[in-house]
N, C-alpha and C. Protein backbone atom coordinates (compact mmCIF):
# COMPACT_ATOMS: atom_id res chain seq x y z
N MET A 1 248.29 30.68 160.53
CA MET A 1 246.84 30.90 160.53
C MET A 1 246.47 31.70 161.75
N ASN A 2 245.58 32.74 161.44
CA ASN A 2 245.21 33.62 162.53
C ASN A 2 244.07 32.99 163.28
N ASN A 3 244.32 32.72 164.56
CA ASN A 3 243.29 32.07 165.37
C ASN A 3 242.52 33.05 166.21
N ASN A 4 242.59 34.32 165.84
CA ASN A 4 241.86 35.31 166.62
C ASN A 4 240.36 35.10 166.39
N PRO A 5 239.59 34.93 167.42
CA PRO A 5 238.15 34.66 167.26
C PRO A 5 237.45 35.80 166.57
N ASP A 6 237.79 36.97 166.82
CA ASP A 6 237.09 38.11 166.20
C ASP A 6 237.35 38.15 164.70
N THR A 7 238.59 37.83 164.37
CA THR A 7 238.92 37.86 162.94
C THR A 7 238.17 36.77 162.22
N ARG A 8 238.14 35.58 162.88
CA ARG A 8 237.43 34.46 162.25
C ARG A 8 235.94 34.77 162.12
N LYS A 9 235.37 35.42 163.05
CA LYS A 9 233.94 35.75 163.02
C LYS A 9 233.64 36.74 161.90
N LYS A 10 234.54 37.67 161.68
CA LYS A 10 234.36 38.63 160.61
C LYS A 10 234.44 37.97 159.25
N LEU A 11 235.34 36.99 159.14
CA LEU A 11 235.47 36.29 157.86
C LEU A 11 234.20 35.51 157.53
N ILE A 12 233.65 34.90 158.56
CA ILE A 12 232.42 34.11 158.33
C ILE A 12 231.29 35.03 157.90
N VAL A 13 231.15 36.16 158.56
CA VAL A 13 230.06 37.11 158.22
C VAL A 13 230.25 37.64 156.82
N SER A 14 231.50 37.95 156.43
CA SER A 14 231.78 38.47 155.10
C SER A 14 231.46 37.43 154.04
N ALA A 15 231.83 36.17 154.33
CA ALA A 15 231.56 35.10 153.36
C ALA A 15 230.07 34.91 153.20
N ALA A 16 229.33 34.97 154.31
CA ALA A 16 227.86 34.79 154.23
C ALA A 16 227.24 35.93 153.45
N ALA A 17 227.75 37.15 153.70
CA ALA A 17 227.19 38.29 152.99
C ALA A 17 227.49 38.19 151.52
N ALA A 18 228.73 37.71 151.18
CA ALA A 18 229.06 37.57 149.76
C ALA A 18 228.20 36.51 149.10
N LEU A 19 227.88 35.48 149.84
CA LEU A 19 227.05 34.40 149.28
C LEU A 19 225.63 34.91 149.02
N VAL A 20 225.09 35.63 149.99
CA VAL A 20 223.73 36.19 149.81
C VAL A 20 223.70 37.15 148.65
N LEU A 21 224.75 37.96 148.53
CA LEU A 21 224.79 38.93 147.43
C LEU A 21 224.87 38.22 146.10
N ALA A 22 225.66 37.13 146.06
CA ALA A 22 225.78 36.39 144.81
C ALA A 22 224.45 35.78 144.42
N VAL A 23 223.73 35.25 145.40
CA VAL A 23 222.39 34.66 145.09
C VAL A 23 221.45 35.73 144.56
N LEU A 24 221.47 36.91 145.18
CA LEU A 24 220.59 38.01 144.72
C LEU A 24 220.93 38.42 143.29
N VAL A 25 222.25 38.47 143.01
CA VAL A 25 222.66 38.86 141.66
C VAL A 25 222.17 37.83 140.66
N ILE A 26 222.30 36.53 141.02
CA ILE A 26 221.84 35.47 140.10
C ILE A 26 220.34 35.59 139.87
N ILE A 27 219.57 35.84 140.91
CA ILE A 27 218.11 35.96 140.76
C ILE A 27 217.74 37.14 139.87
N ILE A 28 218.41 38.29 140.09
CA ILE A 28 218.10 39.50 139.30
C ILE A 28 218.45 39.27 137.84
N VAL A 29 219.64 38.64 137.60
CA VAL A 29 220.04 38.37 136.21
C VAL A 29 219.04 37.42 135.55
N GLY A 30 218.56 36.43 136.28
CA GLY A 30 217.59 35.50 135.70
C GLY A 30 216.28 36.18 135.34
N ILE A 31 215.86 37.07 136.22
CA ILE A 31 214.61 37.80 135.92
C ILE A 31 214.77 38.66 134.67
N ILE A 32 215.91 39.36 134.58
CA ILE A 32 216.15 40.21 133.40
C ILE A 32 216.22 39.38 132.15
N PHE A 33 216.80 38.21 132.21
CA PHE A 33 216.94 37.36 131.05
C PHE A 33 215.57 36.86 130.58
N VAL A 34 214.73 36.52 131.56
CA VAL A 34 213.39 36.01 131.18
C VAL A 34 212.58 37.08 130.47
N PHE A 35 212.57 38.30 130.98
CA PHE A 35 211.73 39.35 130.38
C PHE A 35 212.35 39.96 129.14
N ALA A 36 213.68 39.91 129.03
CA ALA A 36 214.33 40.52 127.87
C ALA A 36 214.44 39.57 126.73
N ALA A 37 214.27 38.27 126.92
CA ALA A 37 214.44 37.29 125.84
C ALA A 37 213.28 37.43 124.85
N PRO A 38 213.55 37.38 123.50
CA PRO A 38 212.47 37.49 122.48
C PRO A 38 211.59 36.25 122.53
N THR A 39 210.27 36.46 122.34
CA THR A 39 209.31 35.35 122.34
C THR A 39 209.23 34.72 120.98
N THR A 40 209.10 33.41 120.91
CA THR A 40 209.00 32.69 119.64
C THR A 40 207.51 32.50 119.27
N GLY A 41 207.27 32.31 117.95
CA GLY A 41 205.89 32.09 117.48
C GLY A 41 205.25 33.39 117.05
N THR A 42 203.97 33.34 116.68
CA THR A 42 203.23 34.49 116.15
C THR A 42 202.82 35.40 117.28
N THR A 43 203.08 36.67 117.06
CA THR A 43 202.67 37.65 118.06
C THR A 43 201.16 37.82 117.99
N PRO A 44 200.49 37.62 119.08
CA PRO A 44 199.02 37.76 119.00
C PRO A 44 198.62 39.19 118.67
N SER A 45 197.68 39.29 117.72
CA SER A 45 197.20 40.63 117.32
C SER A 45 196.16 41.12 118.31
N ALA A 46 195.97 42.40 118.23
CA ALA A 46 195.01 43.01 119.15
C ALA A 46 193.60 42.51 118.82
N PRO A 47 192.82 42.24 119.79
CA PRO A 47 191.45 41.75 119.51
C PRO A 47 190.62 42.77 118.73
N ASN A 48 189.83 42.26 117.75
CA ASN A 48 188.97 43.14 116.97
C ASN A 48 187.85 43.71 117.84
N PRO A 49 187.50 44.94 117.57
CA PRO A 49 186.40 45.52 118.36
C PRO A 49 185.09 44.79 118.03
N PRO A 50 184.21 44.67 118.95
CA PRO A 50 182.91 43.99 118.68
C PRO A 50 182.11 44.75 117.63
N PRO A 51 181.43 44.02 116.70
CA PRO A 51 180.66 44.71 115.65
C PRO A 51 179.52 45.53 116.23
N THR A 52 179.31 46.65 115.57
CA THR A 52 178.21 47.52 116.00
C THR A 52 176.88 46.89 115.61
N PRO A 53 175.99 46.65 116.53
CA PRO A 53 174.71 46.00 116.16
C PRO A 53 173.88 46.89 115.25
N THR A 54 173.30 46.30 114.19
CA THR A 54 172.44 47.04 113.26
C THR A 54 171.07 47.20 113.88
N PRO A 55 170.57 48.42 113.96
CA PRO A 55 169.22 48.59 114.57
C PRO A 55 168.16 47.94 113.72
N GLU A 56 167.29 47.18 114.31
CA GLU A 56 166.20 46.53 113.59
C GLU A 56 165.11 47.55 113.29
N PRO A 57 164.49 47.43 112.05
CA PRO A 57 163.40 48.38 111.73
C PRO A 57 162.21 48.16 112.64
N SER A 58 161.57 49.27 112.91
CA SER A 58 160.40 49.18 113.79
C SER A 58 159.28 48.43 113.09
N ASN A 59 158.66 47.55 113.78
CA ASN A 59 157.56 46.75 113.22
C ASN A 59 156.25 47.48 113.42
N PRO A 60 155.56 47.85 112.27
CA PRO A 60 154.27 48.56 112.46
C PRO A 60 153.22 47.70 113.12
N ASN A 61 153.39 46.38 112.99
CA ASN A 61 152.43 45.48 113.62
C ASN A 61 153.17 44.60 114.63
N PRO A 62 153.45 45.13 115.77
CA PRO A 62 154.23 44.36 116.74
C PRO A 62 153.48 43.11 117.18
N THR A 63 154.26 42.11 117.47
CA THR A 63 153.66 40.86 117.95
C THR A 63 153.07 41.10 119.33
N PRO A 64 151.79 40.77 119.48
CA PRO A 64 151.18 41.02 120.79
C PRO A 64 151.81 40.18 121.88
N THR A 65 151.84 40.75 123.03
CA THR A 65 152.41 40.04 124.18
C THR A 65 151.48 38.89 124.56
N PRO A 66 152.05 37.70 124.71
CA PRO A 66 151.17 36.57 125.07
C PRO A 66 150.43 36.86 126.35
N ARG A 67 149.14 36.58 126.28
CA ARG A 67 148.34 36.85 127.47
C ARG A 67 148.18 35.59 128.30
N ARG A 68 147.74 35.79 129.47
CA ARG A 68 147.53 34.66 130.35
C ARG A 68 146.40 33.78 129.85
N ASN A 69 146.46 32.56 130.21
CA ASN A 69 145.44 31.60 129.82
C ASN A 69 144.19 31.86 130.64
N ASP A 70 143.38 32.75 130.12
CA ASP A 70 142.15 33.12 130.81
C ASP A 70 140.99 32.61 129.99
N PRO A 71 140.21 31.64 130.46
CA PRO A 71 139.11 31.10 129.64
C PRO A 71 138.10 32.14 129.24
N ARG A 72 137.98 33.21 130.03
CA ARG A 72 137.01 34.24 129.65
C ARG A 72 137.46 35.02 128.43
N ARG A 73 138.78 35.10 128.22
CA ARG A 73 139.29 35.82 127.06
C ARG A 73 139.32 34.98 125.80
N ASP A 74 139.25 33.66 125.96
CA ASP A 74 139.30 32.79 124.78
C ASP A 74 137.96 32.66 124.10
N ILE A 75 136.90 33.22 124.68
CA ILE A 75 135.59 33.14 124.04
C ILE A 75 135.57 34.12 122.87
N PRO A 76 135.29 33.65 121.62
CA PRO A 76 135.27 34.58 120.48
C PRO A 76 134.13 35.57 120.59
N ILE A 77 134.44 36.79 120.18
CA ILE A 77 133.44 37.85 120.21
C ILE A 77 132.72 37.85 118.86
N PRO A 78 131.41 37.68 118.82
CA PRO A 78 130.70 37.66 117.53
C PRO A 78 130.77 39.01 116.85
N VAL A 79 131.06 38.98 115.54
CA VAL A 79 131.12 40.20 114.74
C VAL A 79 129.79 40.36 114.03
N PRO A 80 129.12 41.49 114.20
CA PRO A 80 127.81 41.65 113.55
C PRO A 80 127.98 41.71 112.03
N GLU A 81 127.11 41.06 111.34
CA GLU A 81 127.10 41.06 109.87
C GLU A 81 125.79 41.69 109.42
N PRO A 82 125.87 42.95 108.96
CA PRO A 82 124.62 43.65 108.62
C PRO A 82 123.81 42.92 107.56
N TRP A 83 124.50 42.30 106.61
CA TRP A 83 123.76 41.67 105.52
C TRP A 83 123.00 40.44 105.98
N ARG A 84 123.36 39.92 107.18
CA ARG A 84 122.59 38.81 107.72
C ARG A 84 121.53 39.28 108.70
N ASP A 85 121.83 40.39 109.38
CA ASP A 85 120.89 40.87 110.37
C ASP A 85 119.67 41.53 109.73
N GLU A 86 119.90 42.19 108.57
CA GLU A 86 118.80 42.89 107.93
C GLU A 86 118.02 41.91 107.05
N PRO A 87 116.73 41.95 107.13
CA PRO A 87 115.93 41.06 106.27
C PRO A 87 116.05 41.48 104.81
N ILE A 88 116.06 40.49 103.94
CA ILE A 88 116.14 40.76 102.52
C ILE A 88 114.75 41.18 102.03
N SER A 89 114.71 42.37 101.50
CA SER A 89 113.43 42.89 101.03
C SER A 89 113.25 42.54 99.55
N VAL A 90 112.20 41.84 99.26
CA VAL A 90 111.85 41.49 97.89
C VAL A 90 110.69 42.36 97.46
N PRO A 91 110.89 43.19 96.44
CA PRO A 91 109.79 44.07 96.04
C PRO A 91 108.60 43.27 95.55
N GLU A 92 107.45 43.62 96.07
CA GLU A 92 106.24 42.97 95.64
C GLU A 92 105.72 43.63 94.37
N PRO A 93 105.13 42.83 93.49
CA PRO A 93 104.59 43.43 92.26
C PRO A 93 103.49 44.43 92.58
N THR A 94 103.50 45.52 91.87
CA THR A 94 102.48 46.55 92.08
C THR A 94 101.15 46.05 91.55
N PRO A 95 100.10 46.14 92.35
CA PRO A 95 98.78 45.73 91.84
C PRO A 95 98.42 46.50 90.59
N ARG A 96 97.75 45.83 89.69
CA ARG A 96 97.45 46.42 88.40
C ARG A 96 96.66 47.72 88.54
N GLU A 97 95.77 47.76 89.53
CA GLU A 97 94.92 48.95 89.67
C GLU A 97 95.69 50.17 90.17
N LEU A 98 96.94 49.96 90.66
CA LEU A 98 97.72 51.09 91.15
C LEU A 98 98.74 51.59 90.15
N LEU A 99 98.89 50.90 89.04
CA LEU A 99 99.84 51.34 88.03
C LEU A 99 99.30 52.57 87.29
N PRO A 100 100.21 53.34 86.69
CA PRO A 100 99.76 54.55 85.98
C PRO A 100 99.12 54.23 84.63
N TYR A 101 97.89 53.78 84.67
CA TYR A 101 97.15 53.50 83.44
C TYR A 101 96.62 54.81 82.86
N LEU A 102 96.79 54.97 81.55
CA LEU A 102 96.42 56.21 80.87
C LEU A 102 95.69 55.89 79.57
N ASN A 103 95.02 56.91 79.03
CA ASN A 103 94.46 56.79 77.70
C ASN A 103 95.58 56.89 76.67
N LEU A 104 95.51 56.03 75.65
CA LEU A 104 96.47 56.08 74.54
C LEU A 104 95.68 56.50 73.31
N CYS A 105 95.92 57.71 72.87
CA CYS A 105 95.08 58.31 71.83
C CYS A 105 95.88 58.61 70.57
N ASN A 106 95.15 58.60 69.43
CA ASN A 106 95.77 58.81 68.14
C ASN A 106 95.81 60.30 67.81
N GLU A 107 96.94 60.74 67.25
CA GLU A 107 97.12 62.16 66.97
C GLU A 107 96.21 62.65 65.85
N LEU A 108 95.91 61.80 64.88
CA LEU A 108 95.08 62.22 63.75
C LEU A 108 93.60 62.24 64.12
N THR A 109 93.12 61.16 64.70
CA THR A 109 91.68 61.04 64.94
C THR A 109 91.26 61.53 66.31
N GLY A 110 92.17 61.51 67.29
CA GLY A 110 91.80 61.86 68.65
C GLY A 110 91.14 60.70 69.38
N ASN A 111 90.86 59.61 68.67
CA ASN A 111 90.27 58.44 69.31
C ASN A 111 91.34 57.68 70.09
N CYS A 112 90.87 56.93 71.07
CA CYS A 112 91.79 56.24 71.98
C CYS A 112 91.58 54.73 71.89
N LEU A 113 92.67 54.01 72.15
CA LEU A 113 92.61 52.55 72.11
C LEU A 113 91.60 52.02 73.11
N GLU A 114 90.81 51.05 72.67
CA GLU A 114 89.82 50.43 73.56
C GLU A 114 89.86 48.92 73.36
N ASN A 115 89.92 48.22 74.47
CA ASN A 115 89.84 46.76 74.43
C ASN A 115 88.38 46.38 74.65
N GLY A 116 87.62 46.32 73.56
CA GLY A 116 86.19 46.04 73.67
C GLY A 116 85.93 44.56 73.81
N GLY A 117 84.66 44.21 73.91
CA GLY A 117 84.28 42.81 73.96
C GLY A 117 84.54 42.14 75.28
N GLY A 118 84.52 42.92 76.38
CA GLY A 118 84.75 42.32 77.69
C GLY A 118 86.21 41.92 77.85
N ASN A 119 86.44 40.91 78.71
CA ASN A 119 87.81 40.49 78.97
C ASN A 119 88.16 39.21 78.21
N THR A 120 87.45 38.97 77.11
CA THR A 120 87.73 37.80 76.30
C THR A 120 89.06 37.98 75.58
N PRO A 121 89.97 37.01 75.70
CA PRO A 121 91.23 37.13 74.97
C PRO A 121 90.99 37.17 73.46
N ALA A 122 91.92 37.78 72.76
CA ALA A 122 91.90 37.90 71.30
C ALA A 122 90.86 38.88 70.81
N THR A 123 90.33 39.73 71.71
CA THR A 123 89.39 40.75 71.28
C THR A 123 90.12 41.80 70.44
N ILE A 124 89.51 42.14 69.30
CA ILE A 124 90.09 43.15 68.44
C ILE A 124 90.07 44.50 69.15
N VAL A 125 91.15 45.24 68.99
CA VAL A 125 91.28 46.54 69.63
C VAL A 125 90.89 47.62 68.62
N GLY A 126 90.02 48.52 69.06
CA GLY A 126 89.57 49.61 68.20
C GLY A 126 89.93 50.96 68.77
N ALA A 127 89.52 52.01 68.08
CA ALA A 127 89.78 53.39 68.51
C ALA A 127 88.45 54.09 68.69
N TYR A 128 88.23 54.63 69.90
CA TYR A 128 86.97 55.27 70.24
C TYR A 128 87.28 56.58 70.95
N PRO A 129 86.26 57.46 71.05
CA PRO A 129 86.49 58.72 71.77
C PRO A 129 86.92 58.46 73.20
N LYS A 130 87.69 59.38 73.70
CA LYS A 130 88.27 59.25 75.03
C LYS A 130 87.20 59.33 76.10
N ASP A 131 87.32 58.42 77.07
CA ASP A 131 86.59 58.53 78.33
C ASP A 131 87.40 57.78 79.38
N SER A 132 86.90 57.77 80.61
CA SER A 132 87.68 57.19 81.70
C SER A 132 87.34 55.73 81.97
N SER A 133 86.65 55.05 81.08
CA SER A 133 86.33 53.64 81.31
C SER A 133 87.61 52.82 81.31
N SER A 134 87.61 51.78 82.12
CA SER A 134 88.84 51.01 82.35
C SER A 134 89.31 50.27 81.11
N ASN A 135 88.39 49.98 80.15
CA ASN A 135 88.85 49.26 78.95
C ASN A 135 89.55 50.19 77.95
N LYS A 136 89.62 51.49 78.30
CA LYS A 136 90.40 52.44 77.48
C LYS A 136 91.70 52.87 78.18
N LEU A 137 91.99 52.27 79.30
CA LEU A 137 93.19 52.64 80.04
C LEU A 137 94.25 51.58 79.86
N TRP A 138 95.48 52.05 79.54
CA TRP A 138 96.58 51.15 79.20
C TRP A 138 97.82 51.53 80.01
N TYR A 139 98.61 50.50 80.27
CA TYR A 139 99.89 50.71 80.97
C TYR A 139 101.02 50.16 80.10
N TYR A 140 102.01 51.05 79.83
CA TYR A 140 103.15 50.62 79.02
C TYR A 140 104.32 50.32 79.95
N ASP A 141 104.77 49.06 79.96
CA ASP A 141 105.92 48.62 80.75
C ASP A 141 107.17 48.75 79.88
N GLU A 142 107.99 49.75 80.16
CA GLU A 142 109.16 49.99 79.32
C GLU A 142 110.17 48.86 79.39
N GLY A 143 110.23 48.15 80.52
CA GLY A 143 111.17 47.04 80.63
C GLY A 143 110.74 45.84 79.81
N LYS A 144 109.46 45.48 79.92
CA LYS A 144 108.95 44.32 79.18
C LYS A 144 108.44 44.71 77.80
N LYS A 145 108.27 46.02 77.58
CA LYS A 145 107.76 46.55 76.30
C LYS A 145 106.34 46.07 76.02
N THR A 146 105.57 45.87 77.05
CA THR A 146 104.20 45.41 76.88
C THR A 146 103.23 46.56 77.09
N LEU A 147 102.11 46.50 76.37
CA LEU A 147 101.07 47.51 76.46
C LEU A 147 99.79 46.78 76.87
N CYS A 148 99.43 46.90 78.16
CA CYS A 148 98.37 46.05 78.72
C CYS A 148 97.20 46.90 79.20
N ASN A 149 96.00 46.30 79.09
CA ASN A 149 94.75 46.98 79.40
C ASN A 149 94.37 46.79 80.87
N LEU A 150 93.85 47.87 81.49
CA LEU A 150 93.48 47.81 82.89
C LEU A 150 92.29 46.89 83.12
N TYR A 151 91.31 46.95 82.26
CA TYR A 151 90.07 46.20 82.49
C TYR A 151 90.29 44.70 82.29
N THR A 152 90.91 44.31 81.21
CA THR A 152 91.03 42.89 80.89
C THR A 152 92.33 42.28 81.39
N GLY A 153 93.37 43.10 81.55
CA GLY A 153 94.69 42.56 81.89
C GLY A 153 95.40 41.98 80.69
N ASN A 154 94.76 41.96 79.53
CA ASN A 154 95.37 41.44 78.31
C ASN A 154 96.28 42.49 77.70
N CYS A 155 97.21 42.02 76.89
CA CYS A 155 98.22 42.91 76.33
C CYS A 155 98.13 42.91 74.80
N LEU A 156 98.50 44.03 74.24
CA LEU A 156 98.40 44.23 72.80
C LEU A 156 99.35 43.29 72.07
N GLU A 157 98.80 42.64 71.01
CA GLU A 157 99.61 41.67 70.26
C GLU A 157 99.43 41.91 68.77
N ASN A 158 100.53 41.85 68.06
CA ASN A 158 100.49 41.92 66.59
C ASN A 158 100.45 40.48 66.07
N GLY A 159 99.25 39.94 65.94
CA GLY A 159 99.11 38.57 65.48
C GLY A 159 99.25 38.48 63.97
N GLY A 160 99.19 37.26 63.48
CA GLY A 160 99.26 37.05 62.04
C GLY A 160 100.64 37.18 61.45
N GLY A 161 101.66 36.99 62.28
CA GLY A 161 103.02 37.08 61.76
C GLY A 161 103.37 38.50 61.39
N ALA A 162 104.11 38.66 60.32
CA ALA A 162 104.56 39.98 59.89
C ALA A 162 103.66 40.55 58.80
N SER A 163 102.42 40.07 58.72
CA SER A 163 101.50 40.54 57.68
C SER A 163 101.23 42.03 57.86
N VAL A 164 101.26 42.74 56.76
CA VAL A 164 101.00 44.18 56.79
C VAL A 164 99.50 44.40 56.95
N GLY A 165 99.14 45.32 57.84
CA GLY A 165 97.75 45.69 58.01
C GLY A 165 96.96 44.76 58.88
N HIS A 166 97.59 43.79 59.48
CA HIS A 166 96.86 42.86 60.33
C HIS A 166 96.36 43.58 61.57
N ASN A 167 95.10 43.31 61.91
CA ASN A 167 94.53 43.95 63.09
C ASN A 167 95.27 43.49 64.34
N VAL A 168 95.41 44.41 65.30
CA VAL A 168 96.01 44.06 66.58
C VAL A 168 94.90 43.64 67.53
N ALA A 169 95.23 42.75 68.45
CA ALA A 169 94.25 42.25 69.40
C ALA A 169 94.90 42.18 70.77
N ALA A 170 94.11 41.86 71.78
CA ALA A 170 94.60 41.79 73.15
C ALA A 170 94.54 40.34 73.62
N PHE A 171 95.68 39.85 74.07
CA PHE A 171 95.81 38.47 74.55
C PHE A 171 96.47 38.48 75.92
N GLY A 172 96.48 37.30 76.57
CA GLY A 172 97.17 37.16 77.84
C GLY A 172 98.67 37.44 77.68
N ASN A 173 99.26 37.95 78.74
CA ASN A 173 100.67 38.34 78.68
C ASN A 173 101.56 37.11 78.89
N ASP A 174 102.09 36.59 77.78
CA ASP A 174 102.94 35.39 77.86
C ASP A 174 104.40 35.67 77.52
N GLY A 175 104.74 36.94 77.28
CA GLY A 175 106.13 37.30 77.03
C GLY A 175 106.59 37.08 75.60
N ASN A 176 105.68 36.71 74.69
CA ASN A 176 106.09 36.52 73.30
C ASN A 176 106.55 37.84 72.68
N ILE A 177 107.43 37.72 71.70
CA ILE A 177 108.00 38.92 71.09
C ILE A 177 106.96 39.71 70.31
N ASN A 178 105.87 39.04 69.84
CA ASN A 178 104.85 39.79 69.11
C ASN A 178 103.97 40.63 70.04
N LYS A 179 104.24 40.53 71.36
CA LYS A 179 103.56 41.42 72.31
C LYS A 179 104.50 42.52 72.81
N GLN A 180 105.66 42.62 72.22
CA GLN A 180 106.62 43.64 72.64
C GLN A 180 106.60 44.80 71.64
N TRP A 181 106.43 45.98 72.19
CA TRP A 181 106.32 47.19 71.38
C TRP A 181 107.35 48.22 71.85
N THR A 182 108.05 48.80 70.90
CA THR A 182 109.04 49.85 71.21
C THR A 182 108.43 51.20 70.89
N TYR A 183 108.45 52.06 71.90
CA TYR A 183 107.87 53.41 71.71
C TYR A 183 108.98 54.38 71.36
N ASN A 184 108.78 55.12 70.27
CA ASN A 184 109.73 56.13 69.81
C ASN A 184 109.22 57.49 70.27
N ASP A 185 109.95 58.12 71.19
CA ASP A 185 109.51 59.40 71.74
C ASP A 185 109.46 60.49 70.68
N ASN A 186 110.35 60.44 69.72
CA ASN A 186 110.39 61.49 68.70
C ASN A 186 109.26 61.32 67.68
N LYS A 187 109.08 60.10 67.20
CA LYS A 187 108.05 59.86 66.19
C LYS A 187 106.68 59.61 66.80
N LYS A 188 106.64 59.33 68.11
CA LYS A 188 105.39 58.98 68.81
C LYS A 188 104.77 57.71 68.23
N THR A 189 105.61 56.76 67.88
CA THR A 189 105.13 55.52 67.29
C THR A 189 105.34 54.35 68.23
N PHE A 190 104.41 53.38 68.14
CA PHE A 190 104.55 52.09 68.81
C PHE A 190 104.77 51.05 67.73
N CYS A 191 105.99 50.49 67.66
CA CYS A 191 106.31 49.51 66.62
C CYS A 191 106.59 48.16 67.26
N ASN A 192 106.09 47.12 66.61
CA ASN A 192 106.20 45.77 67.14
C ASN A 192 107.58 45.20 66.91
N ASP A 193 108.16 44.58 67.95
CA ASP A 193 109.52 44.04 67.84
C ASP A 193 109.58 42.83 66.92
N PHE A 194 108.47 42.14 66.75
CA PHE A 194 108.48 40.94 65.91
C PHE A 194 108.31 41.29 64.43
N SER A 195 107.28 42.07 64.12
CA SER A 195 106.97 42.36 62.71
C SER A 195 107.65 43.63 62.21
N GLY A 196 107.97 44.54 63.12
CA GLY A 196 108.51 45.83 62.71
C GLY A 196 107.44 46.82 62.31
N ASN A 197 106.18 46.36 62.22
CA ASN A 197 105.08 47.24 61.85
C ASN A 197 104.63 48.05 63.06
N CYS A 198 104.00 49.18 62.77
CA CYS A 198 103.64 50.14 63.83
C CYS A 198 102.13 50.31 63.90
N LEU A 199 101.67 50.65 65.11
CA LEU A 199 100.24 50.86 65.31
C LEU A 199 99.73 51.98 64.42
N GLU A 200 98.57 51.73 63.79
CA GLU A 200 97.96 52.75 62.93
C GLU A 200 96.46 52.72 63.12
N ASN A 201 95.90 53.94 63.27
CA ASN A 201 94.45 54.08 63.35
C ASN A 201 93.96 54.37 61.92
N GLY A 202 93.64 53.31 61.21
CA GLY A 202 93.22 53.48 59.81
C GLY A 202 91.77 53.90 59.70
N GLY A 203 91.36 54.20 58.45
CA GLY A 203 89.96 54.55 58.21
C GLY A 203 89.60 55.95 58.62
N GLY A 204 90.59 56.84 58.69
CA GLY A 204 90.30 58.21 59.05
C GLY A 204 89.83 58.33 60.47
N ALA A 205 88.90 59.23 60.68
CA ALA A 205 88.42 59.51 62.04
C ALA A 205 87.18 58.72 62.36
N THR A 206 86.95 57.64 61.63
CA THR A 206 85.75 56.84 61.88
C THR A 206 85.82 56.22 63.27
N GLN A 207 84.75 56.43 64.03
CA GLN A 207 84.70 55.89 65.38
C GLN A 207 84.61 54.37 65.34
N GLY A 208 85.39 53.71 66.17
CA GLY A 208 85.35 52.26 66.26
C GLY A 208 86.17 51.54 65.23
N ASN A 209 86.89 52.29 64.41
CA ASN A 209 87.70 51.63 63.39
C ASN A 209 88.80 50.79 64.05
N ASN A 210 89.01 49.59 63.52
CA ASN A 210 90.03 48.72 64.09
C ASN A 210 91.41 49.32 63.90
N VAL A 211 92.30 48.97 64.83
CA VAL A 211 93.68 49.44 64.78
C VAL A 211 94.53 48.31 64.21
N GLY A 212 95.36 48.63 63.21
CA GLY A 212 96.21 47.63 62.61
C GLY A 212 97.68 47.96 62.77
N ALA A 213 98.53 47.14 62.14
CA ALA A 213 99.98 47.34 62.19
C ALA A 213 100.49 47.47 60.76
N TYR A 214 101.17 48.59 60.49
CA TYR A 214 101.64 48.90 59.15
C TYR A 214 103.10 49.35 59.23
N PRO A 215 103.82 49.26 58.11
CA PRO A 215 105.21 49.73 58.12
C PRO A 215 105.28 51.22 58.41
N ASP A 216 106.34 51.60 59.09
CA ASP A 216 106.56 53.01 59.43
C ASP A 216 107.40 53.64 58.32
N ASN A 217 106.73 53.99 57.23
CA ASN A 217 107.47 54.53 56.09
C ASN A 217 106.93 55.86 55.60
N ASP A 218 105.89 56.38 56.24
CA ASP A 218 105.34 57.64 55.77
C ASP A 218 105.24 58.71 56.85
N GLY A 219 105.44 58.32 58.12
CA GLY A 219 105.37 59.30 59.20
C GLY A 219 104.03 59.97 59.34
N SER A 220 102.98 59.29 58.90
CA SER A 220 101.64 59.89 58.93
C SER A 220 101.14 60.05 60.36
N GLU A 221 100.22 60.97 60.53
CA GLU A 221 99.71 61.27 61.86
C GLU A 221 98.92 60.12 62.45
N ASN A 222 98.33 59.28 61.58
CA ASN A 222 97.52 58.19 62.15
C ASN A 222 98.39 57.08 62.75
N LYS A 223 99.73 57.25 62.68
CA LYS A 223 100.64 56.33 63.37
C LYS A 223 101.23 56.95 64.63
N ARG A 224 100.79 58.12 64.97
CA ARG A 224 101.34 58.81 66.13
C ARG A 224 100.36 58.68 67.29
N TRP A 225 100.92 58.32 68.44
CA TRP A 225 100.10 58.07 69.63
C TRP A 225 100.70 58.80 70.83
N TYR A 226 99.82 59.20 71.72
CA TYR A 226 100.30 59.89 72.92
C TYR A 226 99.42 59.49 74.10
N PHE A 227 100.03 59.51 75.29
CA PHE A 227 99.30 59.19 76.50
C PHE A 227 98.73 60.45 77.10
N ILE A 228 97.53 60.37 77.58
CA ILE A 228 96.93 61.48 78.33
C ILE A 228 96.26 60.88 79.56
N SER A 229 96.16 61.71 80.59
CA SER A 229 95.57 61.22 81.84
C SER A 229 94.09 60.96 81.65
N LYS A 230 93.58 60.02 82.44
CA LYS A 230 92.17 59.64 82.30
C LYS A 230 91.23 60.71 82.82
């Protein structure tokens, strides 16, 4: 055995170096084995990309932003209502003296209807020459179909039912159908809605002859009437 100290020192250093090298080799081989070994189980797939958000449609009436709790803003604002603010106008009836009262005259005789006998109801109506006296002035209400006298306020009535030739008279306006007269612009006739008979100035051109109601079957001139100004 070589007891040279230098030789022994070299052997120790060589052995230590070989040991360190062996440890390094073992570490490197272990690292390679760990990374090179196949992994067991399911290989994780690549994460899916996040979905693209769908743009929301624009709201034509966006929700208002909540406002602060301000008591002055919570007071409701009154909305004007024209139909409540404006007074309701009710038309007043036109006074009788302001209505367009006219003479109603017969085409054959030229005489005009007259409500004689004062303002007594049921006065027989006759035909007399035209003048501006109020008992010869009449107003025809197309809505009510009434023919009423200015002086008496009474309205023409075909009394006696549907009797042919019955004299017409003036009575108070009560809305009865025998006081309703339909005027035909073409024939110039006033025919009663109840009897169907029409005003006729009988007896020729005799002044004061009573006016009756007869069927409209001959178109004679004594059944034709027209209004003229007073």
